[in-house]
Amino acid sequence: METIATDDEELVLRGVAAEDAEAVAKLSGELGYETSTSEMKARLEGMLPLPDHHLVLVACLGNEVVGWIEAEVVRHLQSSPHTLITGLVVKEGVRSVGIGRRLCAEAERWSQRRGVSLLRVTSRMTRERAHRFYLREGFVQTKTSAVFEKVLSTQGG
């Protein structure tokens, strides 16, 4: 992976580790998904090691995790495989210096190595700053969707 330099530190992208749980949880809160460190640690431990179709990278400035991206290859009957970015966040205060761009570029390369030629991301309609970012990065808005959820019981039956 490539590194970039910011004002005084070098940005390093690497695979997520269980030890990143606290930082990843805090950044998730910046996305509006409040999560405790213990919940995030349990999630990470349940995911790691990641299967070949799942990517989670963290961006580090020095020893600090300042961003992350999660993506996975999605296969459907009705369409060709694509990679879906399921989450991307950069810490407030270090945005607009190229960290999100580097994370997206690495997700692109990762997808291409898996023979996938389409990268997709969904974004809430209210996240106008994120929309501008994706447009600058070469994404094209192709649809507007409604999201429906149904809460299920965790008990069988």
N, C-alpha and C. Protein backbone atom coordinates (compact mmCIF):
# COMPACT_ATOMS: atom_id res chain seq x y z
N MET A 1 0.83 -1.17 0.00
CA MET A 1 0.00 0.00 0.00
C MET A 1 0.88 1.24 0.00
N GLU A 2 0.37 2.25 -0.58
CA GLU A 2 1.06 3.52 -0.70
C GLU A 2 0.88 4.34 0.58
N THR A 3 1.86 5.16 0.90
CA THR A 3 1.70 6.07 2.01
C THR A 3 1.71 7.50 1.48
N ILE A 4 1.07 8.40 2.20
CA ILE A 4 1.12 9.81 1.83
C ILE A 4 1.54 10.60 3.05
N ALA A 5 2.11 11.74 2.84
CA ALA A 5 2.53 12.59 3.96
C ALA A 5 1.53 13.72 4.12
N THR A 6 1.14 13.99 5.35
CA THR A 6 0.37 15.19 5.63
C THR A 6 1.37 16.23 6.13
N ASP A 7 0.93 17.24 6.82
CA ASP A 7 1.83 18.31 7.23
C ASP A 7 3.10 17.80 7.90
N ASP A 8 2.96 16.96 8.90
CA ASP A 8 4.16 16.52 9.61
C ASP A 8 4.18 15.02 9.90
N GLU A 9 3.24 14.29 9.41
CA GLU A 9 3.20 12.86 9.67
C GLU A 9 2.86 12.10 8.40
N GLU A 10 3.25 10.85 8.37
CA GLU A 10 2.98 9.99 7.24
C GLU A 10 1.71 9.19 7.50
N LEU A 11 0.88 9.10 6.49
CA LEU A 11 -0.34 8.31 6.58
C LEU A 11 -0.03 6.88 6.18
N VAL A 12 -0.44 5.94 7.00
CA VAL A 12 -0.25 4.52 6.72
C VAL A 12 -1.62 3.85 6.72
N LEU A 13 -1.90 3.08 5.68
CA LEU A 13 -3.12 2.27 5.62
C LEU A 13 -2.74 0.85 5.96
N ARG A 14 -3.55 0.21 6.80
CA ARG A 14 -3.31 -1.19 7.17
C ARG A 14 -4.63 -1.85 7.50
N GLY A 15 -4.58 -3.17 7.56
CA GLY A 15 -5.77 -3.92 7.94
C GLY A 15 -6.15 -3.64 9.39
N VAL A 16 -7.43 -3.67 9.66
CA VAL A 16 -7.92 -3.42 11.01
C VAL A 16 -7.50 -4.56 11.93
N ALA A 17 -7.31 -4.25 13.20
CA ALA A 17 -6.99 -5.25 14.22
C ALA A 17 -7.94 -5.04 15.40
N ALA A 18 -8.11 -6.07 16.20
CA ALA A 18 -9.00 -5.98 17.37
C ALA A 18 -8.57 -4.84 18.29
N GLU A 19 -7.28 -4.55 18.33
CA GLU A 19 -6.75 -3.47 19.17
C GLU A 19 -7.22 -2.09 18.71
N ASP A 20 -7.77 -2.00 17.52
CA ASP A 20 -8.26 -0.73 16.99
C ASP A 20 -9.69 -0.43 17.43
N ALA A 21 -10.28 -1.29 18.24
CA ALA A 21 -11.70 -1.19 18.57
C ALA A 21 -12.10 0.17 19.11
N GLU A 22 -11.34 0.72 20.03
CA GLU A 22 -11.71 2.01 20.63
C GLU A 22 -11.74 3.12 19.58
N ALA A 23 -10.70 3.20 18.77
CA ALA A 23 -10.63 4.25 17.75
C ALA A 23 -11.71 4.07 16.69
N VAL A 24 -11.94 2.84 16.27
CA VAL A 24 -12.95 2.56 15.25
C VAL A 24 -14.34 2.90 15.79
N ALA A 25 -14.58 2.59 17.06
CA ALA A 25 -15.87 2.91 17.68
C ALA A 25 -16.08 4.43 17.73
N LYS A 26 -15.05 5.17 18.12
CA LYS A 26 -15.18 6.63 18.18
C LYS A 26 -15.47 7.21 16.80
N LEU A 27 -14.76 6.72 15.79
CA LEU A 27 -14.99 7.20 14.43
C LEU A 27 -16.39 6.83 13.95
N SER A 28 -16.88 5.66 14.34
CA SER A 28 -18.24 5.26 13.98
C SER A 28 -19.25 6.25 14.55
N GLY A 29 -18.96 6.76 15.74
CA GLY A 29 -19.81 7.78 16.34
C GLY A 29 -19.87 9.04 15.50
N GLU A 30 -18.75 9.38 14.83
CA GLU A 30 -18.74 10.55 13.95
C GLU A 30 -19.64 10.33 12.73
N LEU A 31 -19.89 9.07 12.40
CA LEU A 31 -20.83 8.75 11.32
C LEU A 31 -22.28 8.74 11.80
N GLY A 32 -22.46 8.81 13.12
CA GLY A 32 -23.81 8.76 13.67
C GLY A 32 -24.19 7.39 14.19
N TYR A 33 -23.22 6.49 14.28
CA TYR A 33 -23.47 5.14 14.77
C TYR A 33 -22.71 4.95 16.07
N GLU A 34 -23.32 5.39 17.17
CA GLU A 34 -22.69 5.29 18.48
C GLU A 34 -22.50 3.82 18.85
N THR A 35 -21.28 3.47 19.20
CA THR A 35 -20.93 2.10 19.53
C THR A 35 -19.90 2.13 20.65
N SER A 36 -20.06 1.27 21.64
CA SER A 36 -19.07 1.21 22.71
C SER A 36 -17.83 0.46 22.23
N THR A 37 -16.74 0.69 22.93
CA THR A 37 -15.50 -0.02 22.60
C THR A 37 -15.69 -1.52 22.73
N SER A 38 -16.40 -1.96 23.78
CA SER A 38 -16.59 -3.41 23.97
C SER A 38 -17.44 -4.01 22.85
N GLU A 39 -18.47 -3.28 22.41
CA GLU A 39 -19.28 -3.77 21.28
C GLU A 39 -18.43 -3.88 20.02
N MET A 40 -17.61 -2.86 19.77
CA MET A 40 -16.78 -2.87 18.57
C MET A 40 -15.74 -3.98 18.64
N LYS A 41 -15.16 -4.18 19.81
CA LYS A 41 -14.17 -5.25 19.96
C LYS A 41 -14.81 -6.60 19.66
N ALA A 42 -16.03 -6.82 20.16
CA ALA A 42 -16.73 -8.07 19.89
C ALA A 42 -17.02 -8.22 18.40
N ARG A 43 -17.42 -7.13 17.75
CA ARG A 43 -17.66 -7.19 16.30
C ARG A 43 -16.39 -7.56 15.55
N LEU A 44 -15.31 -6.87 15.89
CA LEU A 44 -14.05 -7.14 15.19
C LEU A 44 -13.58 -8.56 15.43
N GLU A 45 -13.66 -9.02 16.66
CA GLU A 45 -13.23 -10.39 16.95
C GLU A 45 -14.08 -11.41 16.21
N GLY A 46 -15.36 -11.10 15.99
CA GLY A 46 -16.24 -11.98 15.23
C GLY A 46 -15.97 -11.96 13.73
N MET A 47 -15.33 -10.89 13.26
CA MET A 47 -15.05 -10.74 11.82
C MET A 47 -13.66 -11.23 11.44
N LEU A 48 -12.72 -11.11 12.36
CA LEU A 48 -11.32 -11.40 12.04
C LEU A 48 -11.00 -12.87 12.21
N PRO A 49 -10.18 -13.46 11.39
CA PRO A 49 -9.63 -12.84 10.19
C PRO A 49 -10.72 -12.65 9.14
N LEU A 50 -10.57 -11.60 8.36
CA LEU A 50 -11.57 -11.28 7.34
C LEU A 50 -11.52 -12.27 6.19
N PRO A 51 -12.68 -12.65 5.67
CA PRO A 51 -12.69 -13.49 4.46
C PRO A 51 -12.19 -12.67 3.27
N ASP A 52 -11.83 -13.34 2.20
CA ASP A 52 -11.24 -12.68 1.03
C ASP A 52 -12.17 -11.66 0.39
N HIS A 53 -13.47 -11.77 0.60
CA HIS A 53 -14.42 -10.84 -0.03
C HIS A 53 -14.75 -9.62 0.84
N HIS A 54 -14.05 -9.46 1.95
CA HIS A 54 -14.36 -8.39 2.92
C HIS A 54 -13.08 -7.62 3.23
N LEU A 55 -13.15 -6.31 3.18
CA LEU A 55 -12.00 -5.43 3.42
C LEU A 55 -12.33 -4.45 4.54
N VAL A 56 -11.45 -4.33 5.50
CA VAL A 56 -11.54 -3.25 6.49
C VAL A 56 -10.13 -2.71 6.69
N LEU A 57 -9.93 -1.46 6.32
CA LEU A 57 -8.65 -0.79 6.48
C LEU A 57 -8.80 0.37 7.44
N VAL A 58 -7.73 0.62 8.20
CA VAL A 58 -7.67 1.82 9.01
C VAL A 58 -6.57 2.70 8.44
N ALA A 59 -6.75 4.01 8.59
CA ALA A 59 -5.75 5.00 8.19
C ALA A 59 -5.13 5.54 9.47
N CYS A 60 -3.81 5.50 9.55
CA CYS A 60 -3.11 5.93 10.75
C CYS A 60 -2.16 7.08 10.46
N LEU A 61 -2.22 8.10 11.29
CA LEU A 61 -1.22 9.16 11.31
C LEU A 61 -0.44 8.95 12.59
N GLY A 62 0.82 8.58 12.45
CA GLY A 62 1.58 8.19 13.63
C GLY A 62 0.92 6.96 14.23
N ASN A 63 0.66 7.01 15.51
CA ASN A 63 0.00 5.88 16.19
C ASN A 63 -1.50 6.04 16.29
N GLU A 64 -2.04 7.10 15.69
CA GLU A 64 -3.47 7.38 15.83
C GLU A 64 -4.26 6.92 14.61
N VAL A 65 -5.33 6.16 14.87
CA VAL A 65 -6.26 5.77 13.80
C VAL A 65 -7.15 6.98 13.53
N VAL A 66 -7.09 7.48 12.28
CA VAL A 66 -7.83 8.70 11.94
C VAL A 66 -8.90 8.46 10.87
N GLY A 67 -9.06 7.22 10.46
CA GLY A 67 -10.08 6.91 9.47
C GLY A 67 -10.18 5.42 9.24
N TRP A 68 -11.28 5.02 8.65
CA TRP A 68 -11.42 3.62 8.25
C TRP A 68 -12.37 3.51 7.07
N ILE A 69 -12.21 2.40 6.36
CA ILE A 69 -13.11 2.06 5.26
C ILE A 69 -13.45 0.58 5.39
N GLU A 70 -14.69 0.26 5.12
CA GLU A 70 -15.13 -1.14 5.07
C GLU A 70 -15.81 -1.35 3.73
N ALA A 71 -15.47 -2.44 3.08
CA ALA A 71 -16.06 -2.76 1.78
C ALA A 71 -16.15 -4.27 1.64
N GLU A 72 -17.07 -4.70 0.80
CA GLU A 72 -17.19 -6.13 0.55
C GLU A 72 -17.68 -6.38 -0.87
N VAL A 73 -17.23 -7.49 -1.41
CA VAL A 73 -17.71 -7.90 -2.73
C VAL A 73 -19.10 -8.49 -2.54
N VAL A 74 -20.04 -7.99 -3.33
CA VAL A 74 -21.44 -8.41 -3.26
C VAL A 74 -21.78 -9.17 -4.54
N ARG A 75 -22.38 -10.31 -4.38
CA ARG A 75 -22.80 -11.11 -5.53
C ARG A 75 -24.30 -11.32 -5.45
N HIS A 76 -24.98 -10.95 -6.53
CA HIS A 76 -26.44 -11.11 -6.62
C HIS A 76 -26.77 -11.89 -7.88
N LEU A 77 -27.93 -12.49 -7.89
CA LEU A 77 -28.40 -13.17 -9.10
C LEU A 77 -28.67 -12.17 -10.22
N GLN A 78 -29.19 -11.00 -9.87
CA GLN A 78 -29.67 -10.06 -10.88
C GLN A 78 -28.60 -9.14 -11.46
N SER A 79 -27.36 -9.20 -10.96
CA SER A 79 -26.34 -8.29 -11.48
C SER A 79 -24.95 -8.87 -11.31
N SER A 80 -24.02 -8.28 -12.02
CA SER A 80 -22.63 -8.69 -11.91
C SER A 80 -22.11 -8.33 -10.52
N PRO A 81 -21.06 -9.01 -10.07
CA PRO A 81 -20.49 -8.68 -8.76
C PRO A 81 -20.04 -7.21 -8.72
N HIS A 82 -20.15 -6.62 -7.56
CA HIS A 82 -19.64 -5.27 -7.35
C HIS A 82 -19.10 -5.18 -5.93
N THR A 83 -18.28 -4.19 -5.70
CA THR A 83 -17.82 -3.93 -4.34
C THR A 83 -18.66 -2.82 -3.76
N LEU A 84 -19.17 -3.04 -2.57
CA LEU A 84 -19.97 -2.05 -1.86
C LEU A 84 -19.16 -1.50 -0.70
N ILE A 85 -18.94 -0.19 -0.71
CA ILE A 85 -18.33 0.46 0.45
C ILE A 85 -19.43 0.59 1.49
N THR A 86 -19.29 -0.14 2.58
CA THR A 86 -20.34 -0.15 3.60
C THR A 86 -20.09 0.89 4.69
N GLY A 87 -18.90 1.45 4.72
CA GLY A 87 -18.60 2.50 5.68
C GLY A 87 -17.29 3.18 5.33
N LEU A 88 -17.26 4.49 5.51
CA LEU A 88 -16.05 5.29 5.31
C LEU A 88 -16.15 6.50 6.21
N VAL A 89 -15.13 6.71 7.02
CA VAL A 89 -15.11 7.88 7.90
C VAL A 89 -13.68 8.34 8.09
N VAL A 90 -13.51 9.64 8.12
CA VAL A 90 -12.24 10.27 8.46
C VAL A 90 -12.51 11.22 9.62
N LYS A 91 -11.62 11.21 10.57
CA LYS A 91 -11.77 12.01 11.78
C LYS A 91 -11.91 13.49 11.45
N GLU A 92 -12.88 14.12 12.10
CA GLU A 92 -13.04 15.58 11.99
C GLU A 92 -11.72 16.22 12.41
N GLY A 93 -11.29 17.20 11.67
CA GLY A 93 -10.03 17.86 11.97
C GLY A 93 -8.90 17.44 11.04
N VAL A 94 -9.03 16.26 10.43
CA VAL A 94 -8.04 15.83 9.43
C VAL A 94 -8.72 15.48 8.11
N ARG A 95 -9.92 15.99 7.93
CA ARG A 95 -10.62 15.78 6.66
C ARG A 95 -10.06 16.74 5.61
N SER A 96 -10.27 16.40 4.36
CA SER A 96 -9.87 17.23 3.22
C SER A 96 -8.36 17.34 3.05
N VAL A 97 -7.62 16.31 3.52
CA VAL A 97 -6.17 16.28 3.27
C VAL A 97 -5.77 15.04 2.46
N GLY A 98 -6.77 14.29 1.96
CA GLY A 98 -6.48 13.15 1.10
C GLY A 98 -6.63 11.79 1.73
N ILE A 99 -7.04 11.72 2.98
CA ILE A 99 -7.16 10.43 3.66
C ILE A 99 -8.30 9.61 3.08
N GLY A 100 -9.47 10.21 2.92
CA GLY A 100 -10.60 9.51 2.31
C GLY A 100 -10.29 9.07 0.89
N ARG A 101 -9.60 9.92 0.15
CA ARG A 101 -9.20 9.60 -1.22
C ARG A 101 -8.30 8.36 -1.24
N ARG A 102 -7.34 8.30 -0.31
CA ARG A 102 -6.42 7.16 -0.25
C ARG A 102 -7.17 5.88 0.13
N LEU A 103 -8.10 5.98 1.06
CA LEU A 103 -8.87 4.80 1.46
C LEU A 103 -9.70 4.29 0.29
N CYS A 104 -10.36 5.20 -0.43
CA CYS A 104 -11.16 4.80 -1.60
C CYS A 104 -10.28 4.19 -2.68
N ALA A 105 -9.12 4.79 -2.92
CA ALA A 105 -8.22 4.27 -3.95
C ALA A 105 -7.76 2.86 -3.61
N GLU A 106 -7.51 2.60 -2.35
CA GLU A 106 -7.10 1.25 -1.96
C GLU A 106 -8.26 0.26 -2.12
N ALA A 107 -9.49 0.69 -1.82
CA ALA A 107 -10.66 -0.17 -2.05
C ALA A 107 -10.82 -0.46 -3.54
N GLU A 108 -10.53 0.51 -4.39
CA GLU A 108 -10.57 0.29 -5.84
C GLU A 108 -9.56 -0.78 -6.26
N ARG A 109 -8.32 -0.61 -5.80
CA ARG A 109 -7.27 -1.59 -6.16
C ARG A 109 -7.63 -2.99 -5.65
N TRP A 110 -8.11 -3.06 -4.43
CA TRP A 110 -8.50 -4.33 -3.82
C TRP A 110 -9.59 -4.99 -4.67
N SER A 111 -10.56 -4.20 -5.12
CA SER A 111 -11.66 -4.71 -5.95
C SER A 111 -11.13 -5.24 -7.28
N GLN A 112 -10.27 -4.46 -7.92
CA GLN A 112 -9.73 -4.86 -9.22
C GLN A 112 -8.93 -6.15 -9.11
N ARG A 113 -8.20 -6.33 -8.01
CA ARG A 113 -7.45 -7.58 -7.82
C ARG A 113 -8.38 -8.78 -7.70
N ARG A 114 -9.63 -8.55 -7.36
CA ARG A 114 -10.62 -9.62 -7.25
C ARG A 114 -11.48 -9.73 -8.49
N GLY A 115 -11.12 -9.02 -9.54
CA GLY A 115 -11.85 -9.09 -10.80
C GLY A 115 -13.16 -8.32 -10.81
N VAL A 116 -13.33 -7.41 -9.87
CA VAL A 116 -14.57 -6.64 -9.75
C VAL A 116 -14.34 -5.27 -10.39
N SER A 117 -15.27 -4.88 -11.27
CA SER A 117 -15.08 -3.64 -12.03
C SER A 117 -16.05 -2.52 -11.65
N LEU A 118 -16.83 -2.70 -10.59
CA LEU A 118 -17.76 -1.66 -10.16
C LEU A 118 -17.63 -1.46 -8.66
N LEU A 119 -17.43 -0.21 -8.26
CA LEU A 119 -17.38 0.17 -6.85
C LEU A 119 -18.61 1.03 -6.57
N ARG A 120 -19.36 0.67 -5.54
CA ARG A 120 -20.61 1.35 -5.22
C ARG A 120 -20.58 1.80 -3.76
N VAL A 121 -21.25 2.90 -3.50
CA VAL A 121 -21.42 3.38 -2.13
C VAL A 121 -22.82 3.96 -2.01
N THR A 122 -23.43 3.76 -0.87
CA THR A 122 -24.70 4.41 -0.59
C THR A 122 -24.44 5.46 0.49
N SER A 123 -25.21 6.53 0.45
CA SER A 123 -24.99 7.62 1.38
C SER A 123 -26.32 8.29 1.69
N ARG A 124 -26.56 8.56 2.96
CA ARG A 124 -27.81 9.22 3.35
C ARG A 124 -27.98 10.52 2.58
N MET A 125 -29.21 10.84 2.28
CA MET A 125 -29.51 12.06 1.52
C MET A 125 -29.03 13.32 2.26
N THR A 126 -28.95 13.26 3.57
CA THR A 126 -28.55 14.44 4.35
C THR A 126 -27.04 14.67 4.36
N ARG A 127 -26.26 13.72 3.90
CA ARG A 127 -24.79 13.83 3.95
C ARG A 127 -24.25 14.52 2.69
N GLU A 128 -24.60 15.78 2.55
CA GLU A 128 -24.22 16.51 1.33
C GLU A 128 -22.71 16.64 1.16
N ARG A 129 -21.99 16.81 2.25
CA ARG A 129 -20.52 16.90 2.16
C ARG A 129 -19.94 15.59 1.63
N ALA A 130 -20.48 14.48 2.10
CA ALA A 130 -20.02 13.18 1.61
C ALA A 130 -20.35 13.02 0.13
N HIS A 131 -21.52 13.49 -0.28
CA HIS A 131 -21.90 13.39 -1.69
C HIS A 131 -20.91 14.15 -2.57
N ARG A 132 -20.53 15.34 -2.13
CA ARG A 132 -19.55 16.12 -2.90
C ARG A 132 -18.21 15.38 -2.98
N PHE A 133 -17.82 14.75 -1.88
CA PHE A 133 -16.58 13.97 -1.87
C PHE A 133 -16.64 12.86 -2.91
N TYR A 134 -17.71 12.07 -2.89
CA TYR A 134 -17.82 10.95 -3.82
C TYR A 134 -17.85 11.42 -5.27
N LEU A 135 -18.53 12.51 -5.54
CA LEU A 135 -18.55 13.04 -6.90
C LEU A 135 -17.15 13.47 -7.33
N ARG A 136 -16.40 14.11 -6.43
CA ARG A 136 -15.01 14.49 -6.75
C ARG A 136 -14.15 13.27 -7.02
N GLU A 137 -14.46 12.16 -6.37
CA GLU A 137 -13.68 10.93 -6.52
C GLU A 137 -14.09 10.11 -7.74
N GLY A 138 -15.02 10.64 -8.54
CA GLY A 138 -15.39 9.97 -9.78
C GLY A 138 -16.61 9.09 -9.71
N PHE A 139 -17.27 9.05 -8.57
CA PHE A 139 -18.52 8.30 -8.46
C PHE A 139 -19.62 9.08 -9.16
N VAL A 140 -20.62 8.38 -9.66
CA VAL A 140 -21.77 8.98 -10.33
C VAL A 140 -23.02 8.52 -9.59
N GLN A 141 -23.91 9.46 -9.26
CA GLN A 141 -25.16 9.07 -8.61
C GLN A 141 -26.03 8.38 -9.64
N THR A 142 -26.44 7.15 -9.34
CA THR A 142 -27.22 6.37 -10.30
C THR A 142 -28.65 6.14 -9.87
N LYS A 143 -28.95 6.32 -8.59
CA LYS A 143 -30.34 6.11 -8.15
C LYS A 143 -30.56 6.73 -6.78
N THR A 144 -31.81 6.85 -6.42
CA THR A 144 -32.23 7.26 -5.09
C THR A 144 -33.13 6.15 -4.58
N SER A 145 -32.91 5.73 -3.35
CA SER A 145 -33.64 4.59 -2.82
C SER A 145 -34.29 4.91 -1.48
N ALA A 146 -35.28 4.14 -1.14
CA ALA A 146 -35.83 4.13 0.21
C ALA A 146 -35.30 2.87 0.89
N VAL A 147 -35.03 2.96 2.16
CA VAL A 147 -34.50 1.82 2.91
C VAL A 147 -35.58 1.36 3.88
N PHE A 148 -35.87 0.09 3.86
CA PHE A 148 -36.87 -0.50 4.74
C PHE A 148 -36.17 -1.49 5.66
N GLU A 149 -36.53 -1.49 6.92
CA GLU A 149 -35.95 -2.41 7.89
C GLU A 149 -37.05 -3.11 8.66
N LYS A 150 -36.74 -4.29 9.11
CA LYS A 150 -37.64 -5.05 9.96
C LYS A 150 -36.80 -5.64 11.08
N VAL A 151 -37.12 -5.30 12.31
CA VAL A 151 -36.39 -5.82 13.45
C VAL A 151 -36.86 -7.24 13.71
N LEU A 152 -35.92 -8.15 13.82
CA LEU A 152 -36.23 -9.56 14.03
C LEU A 152 -35.88 -9.98 15.44
N SER A 153 -36.59 -10.94 15.94
CA SER A 153 -36.27 -11.55 17.22
C SER A 153 -35.00 -12.36 17.05
N THR A 154 -34.17 -12.37 18.07
CA THR A 154 -32.95 -13.17 18.00
C THR A 154 -33.20 -14.61 18.44
N GLN A 155 -34.42 -14.90 18.84
CA GLN A 155 -34.77 -16.27 19.22
C GLN A 155 -35.33 -16.99 18.02
N GLY A 156 -34.94 -18.23 17.82
CA GLY A 156 -35.45 -19.01 16.69
C GLY A 156 -36.94 -19.25 16.79
N GLY A 157 -37.56 -19.46 15.62
CA GLY A 157 -38.96 -19.83 15.65
C GLY A 157 -39.82 -18.81 15.18
